[in-house]
Amino acid sequence: MRRRGQPSPRLLAASFALLAGVACASAQEEPFKGKAINVNIGFATGGNYDFVGRLVSRHIGKHLPGNPPGVAINMPGAGSIRAANHLSNAAPKDGTTLAILSSSIAIEEALGTQGIQYKSADFAWIGRVSMILQVLATLDPAKARSIDDVLRHDTPMAGTGAGSPSEGYPRLLNGLLGTKFRVIGGYTSSADSMLAMERGEVDGSLPSWNTVKRTKPDWLAQKKIHPLVQFVFTRSPDLPDTPTSVEIGKTPEDRDVLSFYTSGEELGRSIVAPPGMAPERVKLMRKAFQDMLKDEEFLAEVVKTQLEFNPLDGEALQAIVERTVKASPATVARTRALLGLQ
């Protein structure tokens, strides 16, 4: 029996429902309250991936509810496969963990690279800051100063992991063209690789051309660096005399392989989120990324640092990844054979 003055059970139930609804709405409005946005960087400090990852970590939180701070976390290992596996299997699926990974992760998946525990197409692709013009290049006093020279001279090149283009491209060209690249692994970033060039530990590496322009102006001024091949479909205005990877293929089958392997450059420096995120949270993160690209402070950093800036939205990136992982069995099998994966 209910005493006089006590609320009825129905009124209590309605009140609890109202309070729960208010709490739920509050949680939806402030999903990042008291949290930070971790941006995992699949490489060590220094280099272009690290630079872009830290740039995004500084700015994306301003465009999310509650303005959560960003934290850059370097997670190097196996050409960023370690970071990709962590993102797929261990990272929270609420938008608080993002990552910047090697542009080749979808290719490595298609090739069946050992150690991969992710599905590239299952990631939520948030957005691209830029395509990256990567170049196999040597530094004085290396004997090889053109791709033809590498047909005659043993040319040691720095590698940053079995799953990275820095090791894949030289091996692919050795198999297709008969070049004499010799990959020396153990380096953790493009900055580390370029330092090895200066020390004479290797003849060359695979830096982004923008990184060279931004961090090694003396190499350009003194004409010490020699670009051998650029990994894009169309020659950059910066390098009109350097052939593209697709150009140097001798047959249509060669060019199919080179196009497949070079397609990773379309992903460039992209931000991804874990698989399994709620669609509305993916939409929220993609919108925050697009808003960040128009942020005056973000753009000021892009201009000041001369960062390559060629954005692409998450939906388009998702389509590129799905196309890559569905490459023809013949092309994948030939690429695997040329890379010595069989």
C-alpha atoms as a PDB file:
ATOM      1  CA  MET A   1       0.000   0.000   0.000  1.00  0.00           C
ATOM      2  CA  ARG A   2       1.394   3.368  -1.078  1.00  0.00           C
ATOM      3  CA  ARG A   3       1.567   6.008   1.645  1.00  0.00           C
ATOM      4  CA  ARG A   4       0.136   9.461   1.088  1.00  0.00           C
ATOM      5  CA  GLY A   5       2.732  11.785  -0.437  1.00  0.00           C
ATOM      6  CA  GLN A   6       4.788   9.010  -1.957  1.00  0.00           C
ATOM      7  CA  PRO A   7       5.168   9.045  -5.776  1.00  0.00           C
ATOM      8  CA  SER A   8       3.415   6.270  -7.620  1.00  0.00           C
ATOM      9  CA  PRO A   9       5.462   3.419  -9.176  1.00  0.00           C
ATOM     10  CA  ARG A  10       4.412   4.652 -12.613  1.00  0.00           C
ATOM     11  CA  LEU A  11       5.633   8.161 -11.816  1.00  0.00           C
ATOM     12  CA  LEU A  12       8.942   6.778 -10.494  1.00  0.00           C
ATOM     13  CA  ALA A  13       9.398   4.641 -13.624  1.00  0.00           C
ATOM     14  CA  ALA A  14       8.700   7.629 -15.833  1.00  0.00           C
ATOM     15  CA  SER A  15      11.160   9.749 -13.867  1.00  0.00           C
ATOM     16  CA  PHE A  16      13.885   7.107 -14.122  1.00  0.00           C
ATOM     17  CA  ALA A  17      13.257   6.785 -17.871  1.00  0.00           C
ATOM     18  CA  LEU A  18      13.488  10.558 -18.242  1.00  0.00           C
ATOM     19  CA  LEU A  19      16.737  10.674 -16.282  1.00  0.00           C
ATOM     20  CA  ALA A  20      18.168   7.789 -18.318  1.00  0.00           C
ATOM     21  CA  GLY A  21      17.197   9.575 -21.503  1.00  0.00           C
ATOM     22  CA  VAL A  22      18.870  12.774 -20.344  1.00  0.00           C
ATOM     23  CA  ALA A  23      22.024  10.836 -19.406  1.00  0.00           C
ATOM     24  CA  CYS A  24      22.037   9.049 -22.756  1.00  0.00           C
ATOM     25  CA  ALA A  25      21.566  12.306 -24.649  1.00  0.00           C
ATOM     26  CA  SER A  26      24.343  13.889 -22.605  1.00  0.00           C
ATOM     27  CA  ALA A  27      26.663  10.977 -23.427  1.00  0.00           C
ATOM     28  CA  GLN A  28      25.848  11.341 -27.108  1.00  0.00           C
ATOM     29  CA  GLU A  29      26.485  15.073 -27.005  1.00  0.00           C
ATOM     30  CA  GLU A  30      29.785  14.675 -25.132  1.00  0.00           C
ATOM     31  CA  PRO A  31      31.200  11.292 -26.257  1.00  0.00           C
ATOM     32  CA  PHE A  32      34.785  12.427 -25.656  1.00  0.00           C
ATOM     33  CA  LYS A  33      34.336  14.099 -22.285  1.00  0.00           C
ATOM     34  CA  GLY A  34      37.351  13.358 -20.105  1.00  0.00           C
ATOM     35  CA  LYS A  35      39.061  11.442 -22.918  1.00  0.00           C
ATOM     36  CA  ALA A  36      41.935  12.055 -25.350  1.00  0.00           C
ATOM     37  CA  ILE A  37      42.306  11.163 -29.024  1.00  0.00           C
ATOM     38  CA  ASN A  38      45.325   8.901 -29.447  1.00  0.00           C
ATOM     39  CA  VAL A  39      46.937   8.964 -32.886  1.00  0.00           C
ATOM     40  CA  ASN A  40      49.132   5.892 -33.226  1.00  0.00           C
ATOM     41  CA  ILE A  41      51.993   6.406 -35.678  1.00  0.00           C
ATOM     42  CA  GLY A  42      53.268   3.208 -37.269  1.00  0.00           C
ATOM     43  CA  PHE A  43      56.836   4.492 -37.478  1.00  0.00           C
ATOM     44  CA  ALA A  44      59.481   5.995 -35.206  1.00  0.00           C
ATOM     45  CA  THR A  45      59.919   9.735 -34.682  1.00  0.00           C
ATOM     46  CA  GLY A  46      61.137  11.709 -37.658  1.00  0.00           C
ATOM     47  CA  GLY A  47      59.990  11.268 -41.217  1.00  0.00           C
ATOM     48  CA  ASN A  48      56.792  12.154 -43.001  1.00  0.00           C
ATOM     49  CA  TYR A  49      54.398   9.715 -41.312  1.00  0.00           C
ATOM     50  CA  ASP A  50      55.453  10.999 -37.903  1.00  0.00           C
ATOM     51  CA  PHE A  51      55.118  14.615 -39.014  1.00  0.00           C
ATOM     52  CA  VAL A  52      51.603  14.157 -40.415  1.00  0.00           C
ATOM     53  CA  GLY A  53      50.447  12.036 -37.475  1.00  0.00           C
ATOM     54  CA  ARG A  54      51.531  14.681 -34.999  1.00  0.00           C
ATOM     55  CA  LEU A  55      49.956  17.442 -37.075  1.00  0.00           C
ATOM     56  CA  VAL A  56      46.603  15.653 -37.036  1.00  0.00           C
ATOM     57  CA  SER A  57      46.884  14.910 -33.308  1.00  0.00           C
ATOM     58  CA  ARG A  58      47.321  18.636 -32.613  1.00  0.00           C
ATOM     59  CA  HIS A  59      44.230  19.732 -34.507  1.00  0.00           C
ATOM     60  CA  ILE A  60      41.514  17.087 -34.923  1.00  0.00           C
ATOM     61  CA  GLY A  61      40.269  17.299 -31.328  1.00  0.00           C
ATOM     62  CA  LYS A  62      39.229  20.920 -31.834  1.00  0.00           C
ATOM     63  CA  HIS A  63      36.535  19.691 -34.212  1.00  0.00           C
ATOM     64  CA  LEU A  64      35.085  16.979 -31.985  1.00  0.00           C
ATOM     65  CA  PRO A  65      32.508  17.409 -29.197  1.00  0.00           C
ATOM     66  CA  GLY A  66      34.237  18.464 -25.977  1.00  0.00           C
ATOM     67  CA  ASN A  67      37.446  19.412 -27.801  1.00  0.00           C
ATOM     68  CA  PRO A  68      39.450  16.405 -26.517  1.00  0.00           C
ATOM     69  CA  PRO A  69      43.249  16.762 -26.578  1.00  0.00           C
ATOM     70  CA  GLY A  70      45.246  14.741 -29.099  1.00  0.00           C
ATOM     71  CA  VAL A  71      48.160  12.501 -28.162  1.00  0.00           C
ATOM     72  CA  ALA A  72      50.674  11.216 -30.711  1.00  0.00           C
ATOM     73  CA  ILE A  73      52.033   7.744 -29.922  1.00  0.00           C
ATOM     74  CA  ASN A  74      54.842   6.213 -31.980  1.00  0.00           C
ATOM     75  CA  MET A  75      54.319   2.487 -32.523  1.00  0.00           C
ATOM     76  CA  PRO A  76      57.009   1.362 -34.993  1.00  0.00           C
ATOM     77  CA  GLY A  77      57.446  -2.210 -36.156  1.00  0.00           C
ATOM     78  CA  ALA A  78      57.355  -4.239 -39.390  1.00  0.00           C
ATOM     79  CA  GLY A  79      56.615  -1.270 -41.621  1.00  0.00           C
ATOM     80  CA  SER A  80      53.585  -0.299 -39.449  1.00  0.00           C
ATOM     81  CA  ILE A  81      52.047  -3.798 -39.472  1.00  0.00           C
ATOM     82  CA  ARG A  82      52.400  -3.816 -35.679  1.00  0.00           C
ATOM     83  CA  ALA A  83      50.334  -0.631 -35.398  1.00  0.00           C
ATOM     84  CA  ALA A  84      47.753  -1.935 -37.896  1.00  0.00           C
ATOM     85  CA  ASN A  85      47.338  -5.165 -35.928  1.00  0.00           C
ATOM     86  CA  HIS A  86      46.906  -3.198 -32.703  1.00  0.00           C
ATOM     87  CA  LEU A  87      44.313  -0.941 -34.305  1.00  0.00           C
ATOM     88  CA  SER A  88      42.375  -3.940 -35.570  1.00  0.00           C
ATOM     89  CA  ASN A  89      42.493  -6.130 -32.485  1.00  0.00           C
ATOM     90  CA  ALA A  90      43.152  -4.064 -29.372  1.00  0.00           C
ATOM     91  CA  ALA A  91      42.168  -0.433 -29.891  1.00  0.00           C
ATOM     92  CA  PRO A  92      38.860   0.889 -28.524  1.00  0.00           C
ATOM     93  CA  LYS A  93      36.183   1.349 -31.169  1.00  0.00           C
ATOM     94  CA  ASP A  94      34.818   4.670 -29.941  1.00  0.00           C
ATOM     95  CA  GLY A  95      36.940   7.114 -31.950  1.00  0.00           C
ATOM     96  CA  THR A  96      39.512   7.682 -29.211  1.00  0.00           C
ATOM     97  CA  THR A  97      42.179   5.768 -31.145  1.00  0.00           C
ATOM     98  CA  LEU A  98      43.206   6.638 -34.681  1.00  0.00           C
ATOM     99  CA  ALA A  99      46.301   5.671 -36.634  1.00  0.00           C
ATOM    100  CA  ILE A 100      48.500   6.635 -39.543  1.00  0.00           C
ATOM    101  CA  LEU A 101      49.867   3.537 -41.250  1.00  0.00           C
ATOM    102  CA  SER A 102      52.049   2.677 -44.215  1.00  0.00           C
ATOM    103  CA  SER A 103      50.420   3.445 -47.540  1.00  0.00           C
ATOM    104  CA  SER A 104      51.144  -0.175 -48.515  1.00  0.00           C
ATOM    105  CA  ILE A 105      49.070  -1.933 -45.846  1.00  0.00           C
ATOM    106  CA  ALA A 106      46.293  -2.945 -48.277  1.00  0.00           C
ATOM    107  CA  ILE A 107      48.875  -4.214 -50.775  1.00  0.00           C
ATOM    108  CA  GLU A 108      50.643  -6.220 -48.091  1.00  0.00           C
ATOM    109  CA  GLU A 109      47.327  -7.774 -47.125  1.00  0.00           C
ATOM    110  CA  ALA A 110      46.585  -8.697 -50.748  1.00  0.00           C
ATOM    111  CA  LEU A 111      50.048 -10.248 -50.980  1.00  0.00           C
ATOM    112  CA  GLY A 112      49.486 -12.301 -47.835  1.00  0.00           C
ATOM    113  CA  THR A 113      52.426 -10.808 -45.931  1.00  0.00           C
ATOM    114  CA  GLN A 114      53.245 -12.808 -42.813  1.00  0.00           C
ATOM    115  CA  GLY A 115      52.161 -11.375 -39.489  1.00  0.00           C
ATOM    116  CA  ILE A 116      49.130  -9.471 -40.760  1.00  0.00           C
ATOM    117  CA  GLN A 117      46.147  -9.715 -38.423  1.00  0.00           C
ATOM    118  CA  TYR A 118      43.890  -7.095 -39.987  1.00  0.00           C
ATOM    119  CA  LYS A 119      41.538  -6.551 -42.916  1.00  0.00           C
ATOM    120  CA  SER A 120      42.261  -3.220 -44.583  1.00  0.00           C
ATOM    121  CA  ALA A 121      38.750  -2.813 -45.961  1.00  0.00           C
ATOM    122  CA  ASP A 122      37.289  -3.328 -42.472  1.00  0.00           C
ATOM    123  CA  PHE A 123      39.100  -0.284 -41.099  1.00  0.00           C
ATOM    124  CA  ALA A 124      37.126   2.950 -40.992  1.00  0.00           C
ATOM    125  CA  TRP A 125      39.098   5.197 -43.335  1.00  0.00           C
ATOM    126  CA  ILE A 126      38.726   8.732 -42.002  1.00  0.00           C
ATOM    127  CA  GLY A 127      40.567  10.911 -44.510  1.00  0.00           C
ATOM    128  CA  ARG A 128      43.818  11.609 -46.332  1.00  0.00           C
ATOM    129  CA  VAL A 129      46.046  14.594 -45.766  1.00  0.00           C
ATOM    130  CA  SER A 130      47.988  13.991 -48.956  1.00  0.00           C
ATOM    131  CA  MET A 131      49.284  11.654 -51.574  1.00  0.00           C
ATOM    132  CA  ILE A 132      53.030  11.258 -51.160  1.00  0.00           C
ATOM    133  CA  LEU A 133      55.621  11.394 -53.911  1.00  0.00           C
ATOM    134  CA  GLN A 134      58.059   8.683 -52.869  1.00  0.00           C
ATOM    135  CA  VAL A 135      61.331   8.357 -54.724  1.00  0.00           C
ATOM    136  CA  LEU A 136      64.084   5.783 -54.765  1.00  0.00           C
ATOM    137  CA  ALA A 137      67.135   8.014 -54.590  1.00  0.00           C
ATOM    138  CA  THR A 138      70.871   7.751 -54.014  1.00  0.00           C
ATOM    139  CA  LEU A 139      73.315  10.187 -52.475  1.00  0.00           C
ATOM    140  CA  ASP A 140      76.880  11.046 -53.453  1.00  0.00           C
ATOM    141  CA  PRO A 141      79.294   9.299 -53.629  1.00  0.00           C
ATOM    142  CA  ALA A 142      77.040   6.431 -54.817  1.00  0.00           C
ATOM    143  CA  LYS A 143      77.934   5.122 -58.275  1.00  0.00           C
ATOM    144  CA  ALA A 144      74.300   4.663 -59.306  1.00  0.00           C
ATOM    145  CA  ARG A 145      72.729   7.959 -60.335  1.00  0.00           C
ATOM    146  CA  SER A 146      69.989   6.673 -62.638  1.00  0.00           C
ATOM    147  CA  ILE A 147      67.878   3.521 -62.839  1.00  0.00           C
ATOM    148  CA  ASP A 148      70.090   2.317 -65.701  1.00  0.00           C
ATOM    149  CA  ASP A 149      73.132   2.643 -63.463  1.00  0.00           C
ATOM    150  CA  VAL A 150      71.549   0.221 -60.992  1.00  0.00           C
ATOM    151  CA  LEU A 151      71.608  -2.421 -63.707  1.00  0.00           C
ATOM    152  CA  ARG A 152      75.404  -2.303 -63.467  1.00  0.00           C
ATOM    153  CA  HIS A 153      76.233  -1.327 -59.885  1.00  0.00           C
ATOM    154  CA  ASP A 154      75.442  -3.017 -56.568  1.00  0.00           C
ATOM    155  CA  THR A 155      73.358  -0.409 -54.733  1.00  0.00           C
ATOM    156  CA  PRO A 156      72.646  -0.904 -51.005  1.00  0.00           C
ATOM    157  CA  MET A 157      69.349   0.686 -49.919  1.00  0.00           C
ATOM    158  CA  ALA A 158      67.935   1.322 -46.432  1.00  0.00           C
ATOM    159  CA  GLY A 159      64.790  -0.622 -45.547  1.00  0.00           C
ATOM    160  CA  THR A 160      62.296   0.147 -42.780  1.00  0.00           C
ATOM    161  CA  GLY A 161      60.567  -3.222 -42.510  1.00  0.00           C
ATOM    162  CA  ALA A 162      59.433  -6.178 -44.581  1.00  0.00           C
ATOM    163  CA  GLY A 163      55.994  -4.661 -45.095  1.00  0.00           C
ATOM    164  CA  SER A 164      57.247  -1.244 -46.185  1.00  0.00           C
ATOM    165  CA  PRO A 165      57.621   0.114 -49.724  1.00  0.00           C
ATOM    166  CA  SER A 166      61.246   0.933 -48.908  1.00  0.00           C
ATOM    167  CA  GLU A 167      61.940  -2.793 -49.140  1.00  0.00           C
ATOM    168  CA  GLY A 168      59.210  -3.825 -51.566  1.00  0.00           C
ATOM    169  CA  TYR A 169      60.039  -1.452 -54.411  1.00  0.00           C
ATOM    170  CA  PRO A 170      63.749  -2.333 -54.727  1.00  0.00           C
ATOM    171  CA  ARG A 171      62.996  -6.066 -54.666  1.00  0.00           C
ATOM    172  CA  LEU A 172      60.232  -5.672 -57.226  1.00  0.00           C
ATOM    173  CA  LEU A 173      62.496  -3.772 -59.600  1.00  0.00           C
ATOM    174  CA  ASN A 174      65.242  -6.351 -59.132  1.00  0.00           C
ATOM    175  CA  GLY A 175      62.822  -9.034 -60.280  1.00  0.00           C
ATOM    176  CA  LEU A 176      61.302  -7.084 -63.178  1.00  0.00           C
ATOM    177  CA  LEU A 177      64.275  -5.177 -64.548  1.00  0.00           C
ATOM    178  CA  GLY A 178      67.343  -6.950 -63.219  1.00  0.00           C
ATOM    179  CA  THR A 179      68.467  -4.020 -61.097  1.00  0.00           C
ATOM    180  CA  LYS A 180      71.052  -4.625 -58.382  1.00  0.00           C
ATOM    181  CA  PHE A 181      69.413  -3.026 -55.377  1.00  0.00           C
ATOM    182  CA  ARG A 182      70.501  -4.630 -52.104  1.00  0.00           C
ATOM    183  CA  VAL A 183      68.098  -3.969 -49.229  1.00  0.00           C
ATOM    184  CA  ILE A 184      69.614  -3.455 -45.797  1.00  0.00           C
ATOM    185  CA  GLY A 185      66.910  -3.609 -43.143  1.00  0.00           C
ATOM    186  CA  GLY A 186      66.766  -2.406 -39.586  1.00  0.00           C
ATOM    187  CA  TYR A 187      66.027   1.276 -40.089  1.00  0.00           C
ATOM    188  CA  THR A 188      62.961   2.702 -38.345  1.00  0.00           C
ATOM    189  CA  SER A 189      61.950   5.740 -40.407  1.00  0.00           C
ATOM    190  CA  SER A 190      62.788   7.740 -43.500  1.00  0.00           C
ATOM    191  CA  ALA A 191      64.739  10.174 -41.309  1.00  0.00           C
ATOM    192  CA  ASP A 192      66.790   7.271 -39.973  1.00  0.00           C
ATOM    193  CA  SER A 193      67.334   6.043 -43.533  1.00  0.00           C
ATOM    194  CA  MET A 194      68.475   9.429 -44.784  1.00  0.00           C
ATOM    195  CA  LEU A 195      70.909   9.698 -41.893  1.00  0.00           C
ATOM    196  CA  ALA A 196      72.293   6.309 -42.966  1.00  0.00           C
ATOM    197  CA  MET A 197      72.818   7.747 -46.452  1.00  0.00           C
ATOM    198  CA  GLU A 198      74.793  10.635 -45.002  1.00  0.00           C
ATOM    199  CA  ARG A 199      76.895   8.263 -42.916  1.00  0.00           C
ATOM    200  CA  GLY A 200      77.686   6.126 -45.941  1.00  0.00           C
ATOM    201  CA  GLU A 201      76.006   3.030 -44.479  1.00  0.00           C
ATOM    202  CA  VAL A 202      73.839   2.767 -47.610  1.00  0.00           C
ATOM    203  CA  ASP A 203      73.780   4.389 -51.025  1.00  0.00           C
ATOM    204  CA  GLY A 204      70.119   5.311 -50.975  1.00  0.00           C
ATOM    205  CA  SER A 205      66.606   4.995 -49.574  1.00  0.00           C
ATOM    206  CA  LEU A 206      62.947   5.742 -50.328  1.00  0.00           C
ATOM    207  CA  PRO A 207      62.140   9.175 -48.858  1.00  0.00           C
ATOM    208  CA  SER A 208      59.196  11.321 -49.795  1.00  0.00           C
ATOM    209  CA  TRP A 209      60.426  14.048 -52.113  1.00  0.00           C
ATOM    210  CA  ASN A 210      58.771  16.660 -49.953  1.00  0.00           C
ATOM    211  CA  THR A 211      60.734  15.433 -46.929  1.00  0.00           C
ATOM    212  CA  VAL A 212      63.928  15.860 -48.918  1.00  0.00           C
ATOM    213  CA  LYS A 213      62.957  19.409 -49.908  1.00  0.00           C
ATOM    214  CA  ARG A 214      61.894  20.283 -46.386  1.00  0.00           C
ATOM    215  CA  THR A 215      64.732  18.740 -44.382  1.00  0.00           C
ATOM    216  CA  LYS A 216      67.690  18.400 -46.776  1.00  0.00           C
ATOM    217  CA  PRO A 217      67.870  21.591 -48.847  1.00  0.00           C
ATOM    218  CA  ASP A 218      71.662  21.235 -48.987  1.00  0.00           C
ATOM    219  CA  TRP A 219      71.292  17.947 -50.872  1.00  0.00           C
ATOM    220  CA  LEU A 220      69.345  19.784 -53.547  1.00  0.00           C
ATOM    221  CA  ALA A 221      71.496  22.908 -53.617  1.00  0.00           C
ATOM    222  CA  GLN A 222      74.674  20.840 -53.978  1.00  0.00           C
ATOM    223  CA  LYS A 223      73.033  18.336 -56.360  1.00  0.00           C
ATOM    224  CA  LYS A 224      74.126  15.480 -54.089  1.00  0.00           C
ATOM    225  CA  ILE A 225      70.875  13.508 -54.368  1.00  0.00           C
ATOM    226  CA  HIS A 226      69.940  11.507 -57.452  1.00  0.00           C
ATOM    227  CA  PRO A 227      66.294  10.437 -57.885  1.00  0.00           C
ATOM    228  CA  LEU A 228      66.109   7.129 -59.749  1.00  0.00           C
ATOM    229  CA  VAL A 229      62.375   6.330 -59.913  1.00  0.00           C
ATOM    230  CA  GLN A 230      59.250   8.141 -58.706  1.00  0.00           C
ATOM    231  CA  PHE A 231      56.308   6.051 -57.544  1.00  0.00           C
ATOM    232  CA  VAL A 232      53.316   7.822 -59.044  1.00  0.00           C
ATOM    233  CA  PHE A 233      51.305   7.339 -62.221  1.00  0.00           C
ATOM    234  CA  THR A 234      52.232  10.734 -63.706  1.00  0.00           C
ATOM    235  CA  ARG A 235      55.606  12.474 -63.437  1.00  0.00           C
ATOM    236  CA  SER A 236      55.731  15.231 -60.859  1.00  0.00           C
ATOM    237  CA  PRO A 237      56.565  18.733 -62.114  1.00  0.00           C
ATOM    238  CA  ASP A 238      59.381  18.642 -59.533  1.00  0.00           C
ATOM    239  CA  LEU A 239      60.959  15.650 -61.269  1.00  0.00           C
ATOM    240  CA  PRO A 240      60.255  15.921 -64.990  1.00  0.00           C
ATOM    241  CA  ASP A 241      63.314  13.876 -65.943  1.00  0.00           C
ATOM    242  CA  THR A 242      62.766  10.998 -63.500  1.00  0.00           C
ATOM    243  CA  PRO A 243      60.732   8.029 -64.815  1.00  0.00           C
ATOM    244  CA  THR A 244      57.673   6.736 -62.974  1.00  0.00           C
ATOM    245  CA  SER A 245      57.522   3.157 -61.800  1.00  0.00           C
ATOM    246  CA  VAL A 246      54.837   2.295 -64.351  1.00  0.00           C
ATOM    247  CA  GLU A 247      56.855   3.775 -67.227  1.00  0.00           C
ATOM    248  CA  ILE A 248      59.781   1.457 -66.705  1.00  0.00           C
ATOM    249  CA  GLY A 249      57.695  -1.709 -67.072  1.00  0.00           C
ATOM    250  CA  LYS A 250      58.666  -3.537 -70.261  1.00  0.00           C
ATOM    251  CA  THR A 251      55.398  -5.416 -70.912  1.00  0.00           C
ATOM    252  CA  PRO A 252      51.682  -4.943 -70.104  1.00  0.00           C
ATOM    253  CA  GLU A 253      52.018  -7.611 -67.407  1.00  0.00           C
ATOM    254  CA  ASP A 254      54.968  -5.740 -65.908  1.00  0.00           C
ATOM    255  CA  ARG A 255      52.967  -2.537 -65.877  1.00  0.00           C
ATOM    256  CA  ASP A 256      49.995  -4.291 -64.233  1.00  0.00           C
ATOM    257  CA  VAL A 257      52.271  -5.389 -61.405  1.00  0.00           C
ATOM    258  CA  LEU A 258      53.837  -1.965 -61.051  1.00  0.00           C
ATOM    259  CA  SER A 259      50.419  -0.260 -61.115  1.00  0.00           C
ATOM    260  CA  PHE A 260      49.133  -2.605 -58.405  1.00  0.00           C
ATOM    261  CA  TYR A 261      52.130  -2.022 -56.175  1.00  0.00           C
ATOM    262  CA  THR A 262      52.253   1.722 -56.789  1.00  0.00           C
ATOM    263  CA  SER A 263      48.525   2.100 -56.049  1.00  0.00           C
ATOM    264  CA  GLY A 264      49.322   2.343 -52.368  1.00  0.00           C
ATOM    265  CA  GLU A 265      50.621   5.843 -52.970  1.00  0.00           C
ATOM    266  CA  GLU A 266      46.992   6.872 -53.526  1.00  0.00           C
ATOM    267  CA  LEU A 267      46.446   6.204 -49.824  1.00  0.00           C
ATOM    268  CA  GLY A 268      49.411   8.420 -49.012  1.00  0.00           C
ATOM    269  CA  ARG A 269      49.233   9.758 -45.478  1.00  0.00           C
ATOM    270  CA  SER A 270      45.775   8.744 -44.365  1.00  0.00           C
ATOM    271  CA  ILE A 271      44.100   8.518 -40.984  1.00  0.00           C
ATOM    272  CA  VAL A 272      42.235   5.320 -40.111  1.00  0.00           C
ATOM    273  CA  ALA A 273      40.103   4.106 -37.223  1.00  0.00           C
ATOM    274  CA  PRO A 274      39.447   0.583 -35.919  1.00  0.00           C
ATOM    275  CA  PRO A 275      36.965  -1.779 -37.568  1.00  0.00           C
ATOM    276  CA  GLY A 276      33.575  -2.177 -35.965  1.00  0.00           C
ATOM    277  CA  MET A 277      32.944   1.461 -35.088  1.00  0.00           C
ATOM    278  CA  ALA A 278      29.317   2.537 -35.034  1.00  0.00           C
ATOM    279  CA  PRO A 279      28.351   4.216 -38.341  1.00  0.00           C
ATOM    280  CA  GLU A 280      27.376   7.443 -36.597  1.00  0.00           C
ATOM    281  CA  ARG A 281      30.777   7.582 -34.881  1.00  0.00           C
ATOM    282  CA  VAL A 282      32.572   7.020 -38.223  1.00  0.00           C
ATOM    283  CA  LYS A 283      30.495   9.842 -39.688  1.00  0.00           C
ATOM    284  CA  LEU A 284      31.418  12.089 -36.756  1.00  0.00           C
ATOM    285  CA  MET A 285      35.152  11.375 -37.137  1.00  0.00           C
ATOM    286  CA  ARG A 286      35.086  11.934 -40.890  1.00  0.00           C
ATOM    287  CA  LYS A 287      33.310  15.256 -40.440  1.00  0.00           C
ATOM    288  CA  ALA A 288      35.844  16.338 -37.822  1.00  0.00           C
ATOM    289  CA  PHE A 289      38.660  15.455 -40.221  1.00  0.00           C
ATOM    290  CA  GLN A 290      37.109  17.473 -43.058  1.00  0.00           C
ATOM    291  CA  ASP A 291      36.542  20.429 -40.728  1.00  0.00           C
ATOM    292  CA  MET A 292      40.177  20.187 -39.607  1.00  0.00           C
ATOM    293  CA  LEU A 293      41.349  20.485 -43.220  1.00  0.00           C
ATOM    294  CA  LYS A 294      39.703  23.920 -43.371  1.00  0.00           C
ATOM    295  CA  ASP A 295      40.951  25.078 -39.972  1.00  0.00           C
ATOM    296  CA  GLU A 296      43.055  28.248 -40.270  1.00  0.00           C
ATOM    297  CA  GLU A 297      45.611  27.110 -37.695  1.00  0.00           C
ATOM    298  CA  PHE A 298      45.962  23.724 -39.380  1.00  0.00           C
ATOM    299  CA  LEU A 299      46.397  25.339 -42.802  1.00  0.00           C
ATOM    300  CA  ALA A 300      48.941  27.783 -41.408  1.00  0.00           C
ATOM    301  CA  GLU A 301      51.066  24.823 -40.293  1.00  0.00           C
ATOM    302  CA  VAL A 302      50.706  23.213 -43.713  1.00  0.00           C
ATOM    303  CA  VAL A 303      51.957  26.384 -45.403  1.00  0.00           C
ATOM    304  CA  LYS A 304      54.713  27.036 -42.869  1.00  0.00           C
ATOM    305  CA  THR A 305      56.133  23.528 -43.117  1.00  0.00           C
ATOM    306  CA  GLN A 306      55.587  23.173 -46.871  1.00  0.00           C
ATOM    307  CA  LEU A 307      53.744  19.938 -46.308  1.00  0.00           C
ATOM    308  CA  GLU A 308      52.332  18.191 -49.346  1.00  0.00           C
ATOM    309  CA  PHE A 309      48.592  18.784 -49.174  1.00  0.00           C
ATOM    310  CA  ASN A 310      46.299  16.746 -51.391  1.00  0.00           C
ATOM    311  CA  PRO A 311      43.318  15.640 -49.266  1.00  0.00           C
ATOM    312  CA  LEU A 312      40.808  12.913 -50.006  1.00  0.00           C
ATOM    313  CA  ASP A 313      37.692  11.933 -48.061  1.00  0.00           C
ATOM    314  CA  GLY A 314      37.198   8.669 -46.209  1.00  0.00           C
ATOM    315  CA  GLU A 315      34.599   7.238 -48.578  1.00  0.00           C
ATOM    316  CA  ALA A 316      36.980   7.557 -51.542  1.00  0.00           C
ATOM    317  CA  LEU A 317      39.811   5.989 -49.555  1.00  0.00           C
ATOM    318  CA  GLN A 318      37.564   3.083 -48.616  1.00  0.00           C
ATOM    319  CA  ALA A 319      36.910   2.445 -52.336  1.00  0.00           C
ATOM    320  CA  ILE A 320      40.645   2.509 -53.153  1.00  0.00           C
ATOM    321  CA  VAL A 321      41.381  -0.026 -50.431  1.00  0.00           C
ATOM    322  CA  GLU A 322      38.607  -2.353 -51.536  1.00  0.00           C
ATOM    323  CA  ARG A 323      39.882  -2.218 -55.127  1.00  0.00           C
ATOM    324  CA  THR A 324      43.427  -2.997 -54.009  1.00  0.00           C
ATOM    325  CA  VAL A 325      42.548  -6.040 -51.914  1.00  0.00           C
ATOM    326  CA  LYS A 326      40.480  -7.375 -54.835  1.00  0.00           C
ATOM    327  CA  ALA A 327      43.349  -7.225 -57.368  1.00  0.00           C
ATOM    328  CA  SER A 328      43.384 -10.059 -59.904  1.00  0.00           C
ATOM    329  CA  PRO A 329      44.887 -13.345 -58.695  1.00  0.00           C
ATOM    330  CA  ALA A 330      47.304 -13.310 -61.643  1.00  0.00           C
ATOM    331  CA  THR A 331      48.684  -9.895 -60.748  1.00  0.00           C
ATOM    332  CA  VAL A 332      48.958 -10.780 -57.071  1.00  0.00           C
ATOM    333  CA  ALA A 333      50.633 -14.104 -57.809  1.00  0.00           C
ATOM    334  CA  ARG A 334      53.200 -12.512 -60.128  1.00  0.00           C
ATOM    335  CA  THR A 335      53.927  -9.742 -57.637  1.00  0.00           C
ATOM    336  CA  ARG A 336      54.430 -12.319 -54.895  1.00  0.00           C
ATOM    337  CA  ALA A 337      56.805 -14.306 -57.093  1.00  0.00           C
ATOM    338  CA  LEU A 338      58.834 -11.230 -58.039  1.00  0.00           C
ATOM    339  CA  LEU A 339      59.118 -10.222 -54.398  1.00  0.00           C
ATOM    340  CA  GLY A 340      60.270 -13.704 -53.482  1.00  0.00           C
ATOM    341  CA  LEU A 341      57.178 -14.428 -51.382  1.00  0.00           C
ATOM    342  CA  GLN A 342      56.580 -17.896 -52.821  1.00  0.00           C
END
